[in-house]
Amino acid sequence: MDDGPEWFAAKRYGYGAGLPISWQGWALTLSFVAVAIVTSIKFHDNKLVLFAIMIPVVLAFMLIAARTTRGGWRWRWGEDD
């Protein structure tokens, strides 16, 4: 079943995405980490602004990762898909 792009591998155990499996997944992950680091450094003294910026960034990252994970996000018990 081809549901669209596959940027992340599915986790073998648990819920969510594993490591990136394409350059797009790695670019998204590295961009997320860069935004998190820069935001944390710039707004380390103003926690409210830090959270106001990071909450939408984290939610956007999670949404994109969920839509581009091979097999989607669901609970897995270790069986091969």
PDB file of N, CA and C in Angstrom:
ATOM      1  N   MET A   1       0.855  -1.189   0.000  1.00  0.00           N
ATOM      2  CA  MET A   1       0.000   0.000   0.000  1.00  0.00           C
ATOM      3  C   MET A   1       0.889   1.236   0.000  1.00  0.00           C
ATOM      4  N   ASP A   2       0.743   2.095  -0.991  1.00  0.00           N
ATOM      5  CA  ASP A   2       1.543   3.300  -1.101  1.00  0.00           C
ATOM      6  C   ASP A   2       0.705   4.486  -0.627  1.00  0.00           C
ATOM      7  N   ASP A   3       1.017   4.953   0.572  1.00  0.00           N
ATOM      8  CA  ASP A   3       0.261   6.066   1.152  1.00  0.00           C
ATOM      9  C   ASP A   3       0.941   7.407   0.933  1.00  0.00           C
ATOM     10  N   GLY A   4       2.040   7.430   0.252  1.00  0.00           N
ATOM     11  CA  GLY A   4       2.742   8.679   0.026  1.00  0.00           C
ATOM     12  C   GLY A   4       4.217   8.546   0.338  1.00  0.00           C
ATOM     13  N   PRO A   5       4.880   9.661   0.593  1.00  0.00           N
ATOM     14  CA  PRO A   5       6.319   9.616   0.827  1.00  0.00           C
ATOM     15  C   PRO A   5       6.653   8.884   2.127  1.00  0.00           C
ATOM     16  N   GLU A   6       7.797   8.227   2.127  1.00  0.00           N
ATOM     17  CA  GLU A   6       8.286   7.549   3.324  1.00  0.00           C
ATOM     18  C   GLU A   6       9.613   8.176   3.716  1.00  0.00           C
ATOM     19  N   TRP A   7       9.569   9.024   4.729  1.00  0.00           N
ATOM     20  CA  TRP A   7      10.763   9.712   5.187  1.00  0.00           C
ATOM     21  C   TRP A   7      11.328   9.095   6.457  1.00  0.00           C
ATOM     22  N   PHE A   8      10.483   8.405   7.217  1.00  0.00           N
ATOM     23  CA  PHE A   8      10.889   7.822   8.492  1.00  0.00           C
ATOM     24  C   PHE A   8      10.527   6.346   8.533  1.00  0.00           C
ATOM     25  N   ALA A   9      11.368   5.560   9.182  1.00  0.00           N
ATOM     26  CA  ALA A   9      11.054   4.158   9.421  1.00  0.00           C
ATOM     27  C   ALA A   9      10.103   4.073  10.601  1.00  0.00           C
ATOM     28  N   ALA A  10       9.311   3.021  10.608  1.00  0.00           N
ATOM     29  CA  ALA A  10       8.434   2.792  11.754  1.00  0.00           C
ATOM     30  C   ALA A  10       9.264   2.215  12.898  1.00  0.00           C
ATOM     31  N   LYS A  11       8.881   2.544  14.122  1.00  0.00           N
ATOM     32  CA  LYS A  11       9.534   1.935  15.275  1.00  0.00           C
ATOM     33  C   LYS A  11       9.174   0.458  15.319  1.00  0.00           C
ATOM     34  N   ARG A  12      10.097  -0.370  15.757  1.00  0.00           N
ATOM     35  CA  ARG A  12       9.817  -1.800  15.870  1.00  0.00           C
ATOM     36  C   ARG A  12       8.949  -2.089  17.091  1.00  0.00           C
ATOM     37  N   TYR A  13       9.182  -1.367  18.179  1.00  0.00           N
ATOM     38  CA  TYR A  13       8.404  -1.504  19.410  1.00  0.00           C
ATOM     39  C   TYR A  13       7.863  -0.137  19.799  1.00  0.00           C
ATOM     40  N   GLY A  14       6.619  -0.074  20.206  1.00  0.00           N
ATOM     41  CA  GLY A  14       6.047   1.176  20.679  1.00  0.00           C
ATOM     42  C   GLY A  14       5.295   1.925  19.595  1.00  0.00           C
ATOM     43  N   TYR A  15       5.139   3.215  19.830  1.00  0.00           N
ATOM     44  CA  TYR A  15       4.318   4.079  18.986  1.00  0.00           C
ATOM     45  C   TYR A  15       5.170   5.185  18.419  1.00  0.00           C
ATOM     46  N   GLY A  16       5.000   5.482  17.143  1.00  0.00           N
ATOM     47  CA  GLY A  16       5.683   6.631  16.566  1.00  0.00           C
ATOM     48  C   GLY A  16       6.649   6.267  15.470  1.00  0.00           C
ATOM     49  N   ALA A  17       7.548   7.193  15.185  1.00  0.00           N
ATOM     50  CA  ALA A  17       8.501   7.049  14.094  1.00  0.00           C
ATOM     51  C   ALA A  17       9.874   6.698  14.637  1.00  0.00           C
ATOM     52  N   GLY A  18      10.642   6.015  13.799  1.00  0.00           N
ATOM     53  CA  GLY A  18      12.028   5.715  14.107  1.00  0.00           C
ATOM     54  C   GLY A  18      12.942   6.719  13.428  1.00  0.00           C
ATOM     55  N   LEU A  19      14.080   6.233  12.987  1.00  0.00           N
ATOM     56  CA  LEU A  19      15.057   7.102  12.346  1.00  0.00           C
ATOM     57  C   LEU A  19      14.628   7.483  10.929  1.00  0.00           C
ATOM     58  N   PRO A  20      15.128   8.610  10.440  1.00  0.00           N
ATOM     59  CA  PRO A  20      14.857   8.986   9.052  1.00  0.00           C
ATOM     60  C   PRO A  20      15.469   7.967   8.091  1.00  0.00           C
ATOM     61  N   ILE A  21      14.784   7.741   6.965  1.00  0.00           N
ATOM     62  CA  ILE A  21      15.280   6.798   5.959  1.00  0.00           C
ATOM     63  C   ILE A  21      15.474   7.473   4.603  1.00  0.00           C
ATOM     64  N   SER A  22      15.263   8.772   4.531  1.00  0.00           N
ATOM     65  CA  SER A  22      15.475   9.497   3.276  1.00  0.00           C
ATOM     66  C   SER A  22      16.124  10.843   3.596  1.00  0.00           C
ATOM     67  N   TRP A  23      16.619  11.484   2.555  1.00  0.00           N
ATOM     68  CA  TRP A  23      17.261  12.787   2.781  1.00  0.00           C
ATOM     69  C   TRP A  23      16.256  13.810   3.290  1.00  0.00           C
ATOM     70  N   GLN A  24      14.981  13.681   2.888  1.00  0.00           N
ATOM     71  CA  GLN A  24      13.964  14.615   3.360  1.00  0.00           C
ATOM     72  C   GLN A  24      13.741  14.463   4.865  1.00  0.00           C
ATOM     73  N   GLY A  25      13.732  13.221   5.325  1.00  0.00           N
ATOM     74  CA  GLY A  25      13.582  12.975   6.762  1.00  0.00           C
ATOM     75  C   GLY A  25      14.752  13.523   7.561  1.00  0.00           C
ATOM     76  N   TRP A  26      15.958  13.307   7.032  1.00  0.00           N
ATOM     77  CA  TRP A  26      17.140  13.849   7.715  1.00  0.00           C
ATOM     78  C   TRP A  26      17.142  15.381   7.692  1.00  0.00           C
ATOM     79  N   ALA A  27      16.743  15.970   6.576  1.00  0.00           N
ATOM     80  CA  ALA A  27      16.686  17.432   6.491  1.00  0.00           C
ATOM     81  C   ALA A  27      15.667  17.987   7.485  1.00  0.00           C
ATOM     82  N   LEU A  28      14.506  17.348   7.567  1.00  0.00           N
ATOM     83  CA  LEU A  28      13.488  17.785   8.527  1.00  0.00           C
ATOM     84  C   LEU A  28      13.993  17.665   9.955  1.00  0.00           C
ATOM     85  N   THR A  29      14.606  16.535  10.284  1.00  0.00           N
ATOM     86  CA  THR A  29      15.101  16.310  11.641  1.00  0.00           C
ATOM     87  C   THR A  29      16.200  17.294  12.006  1.00  0.00           C
ATOM     88  N   LEU A  30      17.158  17.489  11.112  1.00  0.00           N
ATOM     89  CA  LEU A  30      18.248  18.424  11.397  1.00  0.00           C
ATOM     90  C   LEU A  30      17.749  19.861  11.487  1.00  0.00           C
ATOM     91  N   SER A  31      16.766  20.217  10.671  1.00  0.00           N
ATOM     92  CA  SER A  31      16.175  21.556  10.756  1.00  0.00           C
ATOM     93  C   SER A  31      15.457  21.743  12.091  1.00  0.00           C
ATOM     94  N   PHE A  32      14.732  20.722  12.516  1.00  0.00           N
ATOM     95  CA  PHE A  32      14.052  20.779  13.813  1.00  0.00           C
ATOM     96  C   PHE A  32      15.059  20.964  14.946  1.00  0.00           C
ATOM     97  N   VAL A  33      16.139  20.200  14.917  1.00  0.00           N
ATOM     98  CA  VAL A  33      17.164  20.313  15.957  1.00  0.00           C
ATOM     99  C   VAL A  33      17.797  21.706  15.930  1.00  0.00           C
ATOM    100  N   ALA A  34      18.074  22.228  14.745  1.00  0.00           N
ATOM    101  CA  ALA A  34      18.672  23.565  14.631  1.00  0.00           C
ATOM    102  C   ALA A  34      17.737  24.633  15.185  1.00  0.00           C
ATOM    103  N   VAL A  35      16.457  24.563  14.842  1.00  0.00           N
ATOM    104  CA  VAL A  35      15.483  25.537  15.363  1.00  0.00           C
ATOM    105  C   VAL A  35      15.388  25.425  16.880  1.00  0.00           C
ATOM    106  N   ALA A  36      15.388  24.201  17.405  1.00  0.00           N
ATOM    107  CA  ALA A  36      15.303  24.009  18.851  1.00  0.00           C
ATOM    108  C   ALA A  36      16.523  24.584  19.563  1.00  0.00           C
ATOM    109  N   ILE A  37      17.713  24.369  19.012  1.00  0.00           N
ATOM    110  CA  ILE A  37      18.935  24.887  19.635  1.00  0.00           C
ATOM    111  C   ILE A  37      18.974  26.406  19.588  1.00  0.00           C
ATOM    112  N   VAL A  38      18.730  26.978  18.410  1.00  0.00           N
ATOM    113  CA  VAL A  38      18.778  28.436  18.263  1.00  0.00           C
ATOM    114  C   VAL A  38      17.726  29.104  19.149  1.00  0.00           C
ATOM    115  N   THR A  39      16.514  28.564  19.166  1.00  0.00           N
ATOM    116  CA  THR A  39      15.443  29.123  19.990  1.00  0.00           C
ATOM    117  C   THR A  39      15.791  29.023  21.467  1.00  0.00           C
ATOM    118  N   SER A  40      16.352  27.900  21.875  1.00  0.00           N
ATOM    119  CA  SER A  40      16.725  27.718  23.276  1.00  0.00           C
ATOM    120  C   SER A  40      17.816  28.692  23.704  1.00  0.00           C
ATOM    121  N   ILE A  41      18.774  28.918  22.831  1.00  0.00           N
ATOM    122  CA  ILE A  41      19.855  29.858  23.145  1.00  0.00           C
ATOM    123  C   ILE A  41      19.326  31.288  23.179  1.00  0.00           C
ATOM    124  N   LYS A  42      18.528  31.652  22.193  1.00  0.00           N
ATOM    125  CA  LYS A  42      18.047  33.031  22.091  1.00  0.00           C
ATOM    126  C   LYS A  42      17.060  33.393  23.198  1.00  0.00           C
ATOM    127  N   PHE A  43      16.201  32.461  23.586  1.00  0.00           N
ATOM    128  CA  PHE A  43      15.143  32.758  24.551  1.00  0.00           C
ATOM    129  C   PHE A  43      15.295  31.980  25.857  1.00  0.00           C
ATOM    130  N   HIS A  44      16.536  31.679  26.248  1.00  0.00           N
ATOM    131  CA  HIS A  44      16.748  30.916  27.472  1.00  0.00           C
ATOM    132  C   HIS A  44      16.270  31.649  28.722  1.00  0.00           C
ATOM    133  N   ASP A  45      16.218  32.964  28.663  1.00  0.00           N
ATOM    134  CA  ASP A  45      15.781  33.736  29.832  1.00  0.00           C
ATOM    135  C   ASP A  45      14.289  34.067  29.806  1.00  0.00           C
ATOM    136  N   ASN A  46      13.602  33.745  28.720  1.00  0.00           N
ATOM    137  CA  ASN A  46      12.174  34.031  28.606  1.00  0.00           C
ATOM    138  C   ASN A  46      11.443  32.738  28.226  1.00  0.00           C
ATOM    139  N   LYS A  47      11.121  31.968  29.261  1.00  0.00           N
ATOM    140  CA  LYS A  47      10.535  30.638  29.041  1.00  0.00           C
ATOM    141  C   LYS A  47       9.187  30.686  28.318  1.00  0.00           C
ATOM    142  N   LEU A  48       8.394  31.698  28.563  1.00  0.00           N
ATOM    143  CA  LEU A  48       7.086  31.788  27.922  1.00  0.00           C
ATOM    144  C   LEU A  48       7.219  31.920  26.405  1.00  0.00           C
ATOM    145  N   VAL A  49       8.127  32.765  25.966  1.00  0.00           N
ATOM    146  CA  VAL A  49       8.365  32.929  24.525  1.00  0.00           C
ATOM    147  C   VAL A  49       8.957  31.636  23.946  1.00  0.00           C
ATOM    148  N   LEU A  50       9.867  31.018  24.696  1.00  0.00           N
ATOM    149  CA  LEU A  50      10.465  29.765  24.260  1.00  0.00           C
ATOM    150  C   LEU A  50       9.390  28.706  24.011  1.00  0.00           C
ATOM    151  N   PHE A  51       8.479  28.536  24.961  1.00  0.00           N
ATOM    152  CA  PHE A  51       7.397  27.564  24.790  1.00  0.00           C
ATOM    153  C   PHE A  51       6.430  27.977  23.682  1.00  0.00           C
ATOM    154  N   ALA A  52       6.163  29.260  23.565  1.00  0.00           N
ATOM    155  CA  ALA A  52       5.244  29.741  22.527  1.00  0.00           C
ATOM    156  C   ALA A  52       5.793  29.464  21.133  1.00  0.00           C
ATOM    157  N   ILE A  53       7.096  29.473  20.987  1.00  0.00           N
ATOM    158  CA  ILE A  53       7.708  29.174  19.691  1.00  0.00           C
ATOM    159  C   ILE A  53       7.835  27.668  19.487  1.00  0.00           C
ATOM    160  N   MET A  54       8.272  26.958  20.515  1.00  0.00           N
ATOM    161  CA  MET A  54       8.585  25.540  20.355  1.00  0.00           C
ATOM    162  C   MET A  54       7.355  24.634  20.254  1.00  0.00           C
ATOM    163  N   ILE A  55       6.262  24.987  20.903  1.00  0.00           N
ATOM    164  CA  ILE A  55       5.078  24.122  20.846  1.00  0.00           C
ATOM    165  C   ILE A  55       4.588  23.952  19.402  1.00  0.00           C
ATOM    166  N   PRO A  56       4.390  25.017  18.635  1.00  0.00           N
ATOM    167  CA  PRO A  56       3.975  24.807  17.235  1.00  0.00           C
ATOM    168  C   PRO A  56       5.040  24.105  16.390  1.00  0.00           C
ATOM    169  N   VAL A  57       6.312  24.361  16.674  1.00  0.00           N
ATOM    170  CA  VAL A  57       7.388  23.711  15.919  1.00  0.00           C
ATOM    171  C   VAL A  57       7.376  22.203  16.182  1.00  0.00           C
ATOM    172  N   VAL A  58       7.239  21.802  17.445  1.00  0.00           N
ATOM    173  CA  VAL A  58       7.187  20.384  17.798  1.00  0.00           C
ATOM    174  C   VAL A  58       5.949  19.725  17.183  1.00  0.00           C
ATOM    175  N   LEU A  59       4.807  20.383  17.272  1.00  0.00           N
ATOM    176  CA  LEU A  59       3.588  19.819  16.706  1.00  0.00           C
ATOM    177  C   LEU A  59       3.693  19.662  15.187  1.00  0.00           C
ATOM    178  N   ALA A  60       4.285  20.641  14.510  1.00  0.00           N
ATOM    179  CA  ALA A  60       4.467  20.548  13.063  1.00  0.00           C
ATOM    180  C   ALA A  60       5.408  19.401  12.706  1.00  0.00           C
ATOM    181  N   PHE A  61       6.502  19.265  13.456  1.00  0.00           N
ATOM    182  CA  PHE A  61       7.438  18.166  13.220  1.00  0.00           C
ATOM    183  C   PHE A  61       6.749  16.819  13.409  1.00  0.00           C
ATOM    184  N   MET A  62       5.980  16.686  14.482  1.00  0.00           N
ATOM    185  CA  MET A  62       5.274  15.436  14.748  1.00  0.00           C
ATOM    186  C   MET A  62       4.251  15.121  13.660  1.00  0.00           C
ATOM    187  N   LEU A  63       3.527  16.119  13.203  1.00  0.00           N
ATOM    188  CA  LEU A  63       2.526  15.916  12.159  1.00  0.00           C
ATOM    189  C   LEU A  63       3.171  15.458  10.852  1.00  0.00           C
ATOM    190  N   ILE A  64       4.249  16.121  10.463  1.00  0.00           N
ATOM    191  CA  ILE A  64       4.944  15.736   9.234  1.00  0.00           C
ATOM    192  C   ILE A  64       5.536  14.338   9.381  1.00  0.00           C
ATOM    193  N   ALA A  65       6.149  14.058  10.524  1.00  0.00           N
ATOM    194  CA  ALA A  65       6.725  12.728  10.745  1.00  0.00           C
ATOM    195  C   ALA A  65       5.652  11.651  10.721  1.00  0.00           C
ATOM    196  N   ALA A  66       4.509  11.926  11.324  1.00  0.00           N
ATOM    197  CA  ALA A  66       3.424  10.940  11.348  1.00  0.00           C
ATOM    198  C   ALA A  66       2.909  10.651   9.942  1.00  0.00           C
ATOM    199  N   ARG A  67       2.819  11.669   9.120  1.00  0.00           N
ATOM    200  CA  ARG A  67       2.291  11.485   7.759  1.00  0.00           C
ATOM    201  C   ARG A  67       3.294  10.861   6.807  1.00  0.00           C
ATOM    202  N   THR A  68       4.585  10.880   7.178  1.00  0.00           N
ATOM    203  CA  THR A  68       5.610  10.362   6.275  1.00  0.00           C
ATOM    204  C   THR A  68       6.341   9.150   6.852  1.00  0.00           C
ATOM    205  N   THR A  69       5.779   8.513   7.859  1.00  0.00           N
ATOM    206  CA  THR A  69       6.365   7.306   8.428  1.00  0.00           C
ATOM    207  C   THR A  69       5.856   6.082   7.681  1.00  0.00           C
ATOM    208  N   ARG A  70       6.767   5.206   7.333  1.00  0.00           N
ATOM    209  CA  ARG A  70       6.404   3.970   6.620  1.00  0.00           C
ATOM    210  C   ARG A  70       5.441   3.154   7.486  1.00  0.00           C
ATOM    211  N   GLY A  71       4.223   2.952   6.990  1.00  0.00           N
ATOM    212  CA  GLY A  71       3.225   2.196   7.740  1.00  0.00           C
ATOM    213  C   GLY A  71       2.426   3.027   8.728  1.00  0.00           C
ATOM    214  N   GLY A  72       2.738   4.304   8.848  1.00  0.00           N
ATOM    215  CA  GLY A  72       2.009   5.183   9.758  1.00  0.00           C
ATOM    216  C   GLY A  72       2.368   4.951  11.220  1.00  0.00           C
ATOM    217  N   TRP A  73       1.829   5.792  12.064  1.00  0.00           N
ATOM    218  CA  TRP A  73       2.050   5.667  13.502  1.00  0.00           C
ATOM    219  C   TRP A  73       0.987   4.744  14.080  1.00  0.00           C
ATOM    220  N   ARG A  74       1.423   3.700  14.695  1.00  0.00           N
ATOM    221  CA  ARG A  74       0.538   2.797  15.427  1.00  0.00           C
ATOM    222  C   ARG A  74       1.393   2.020  16.408  1.00  0.00           C
ATOM    223  N   TRP A  75       0.765   1.377  17.353  1.00  0.00           N
ATOM    224  CA  TRP A  75       1.504   0.595  18.333  1.00  0.00           C
ATOM    225  C   TRP A  75       2.052  -0.660  17.678  1.00  0.00           C
ATOM    226  N   ARG A  76       3.313  -0.952  17.933  1.00  0.00           N
ATOM    227  CA  ARG A  76       3.953  -2.138  17.361  1.00  0.00           C
ATOM    228  C   ARG A  76       4.560  -2.966  18.485  1.00  0.00           C
ATOM    229  N   TRP A  77       4.470  -4.286  18.333  1.00  0.00           N
ATOM    230  CA  TRP A  77       4.971  -5.229  19.335  1.00  0.00           C
ATOM    231  C   TRP A  77       6.227  -5.942  18.896  1.00  0.00           C
ATOM    232  N   GLY A  78       6.840  -5.543  17.806  1.00  0.00           N
ATOM    233  CA  GLY A  78       8.086  -6.133  17.371  1.00  0.00           C
ATOM    234  C   GLY A  78       7.956  -7.068  16.198  1.00  0.00           C
ATOM    235  N   GLU A  79       6.761  -7.364  15.763  1.00  0.00           N
ATOM    236  CA  GLU A  79       6.596  -8.216  14.596  1.00  0.00           C
ATOM    237  C   GLU A  79       7.006  -7.461  13.342  1.00  0.00           C
ATOM    238  N   ASP A  80       7.432  -8.207  12.352  1.00  0.00           N
ATOM    239  CA  ASP A  80       7.749  -7.585  11.056  1.00  0.00           C
ATOM    240  C   ASP A  80       6.455  -7.199  10.361  1.00  0.00           C
ATOM    241  N   ASP A  81       6.455  -6.026   9.741  1.00  0.00           N
ATOM    242  CA  ASP A  81       5.276  -5.574   8.974  1.00  0.00           C
ATOM    243  C   ASP A  81       5.304  -6.116   7.579  1.00  0.00           C
TER     244      ASP A  81
END
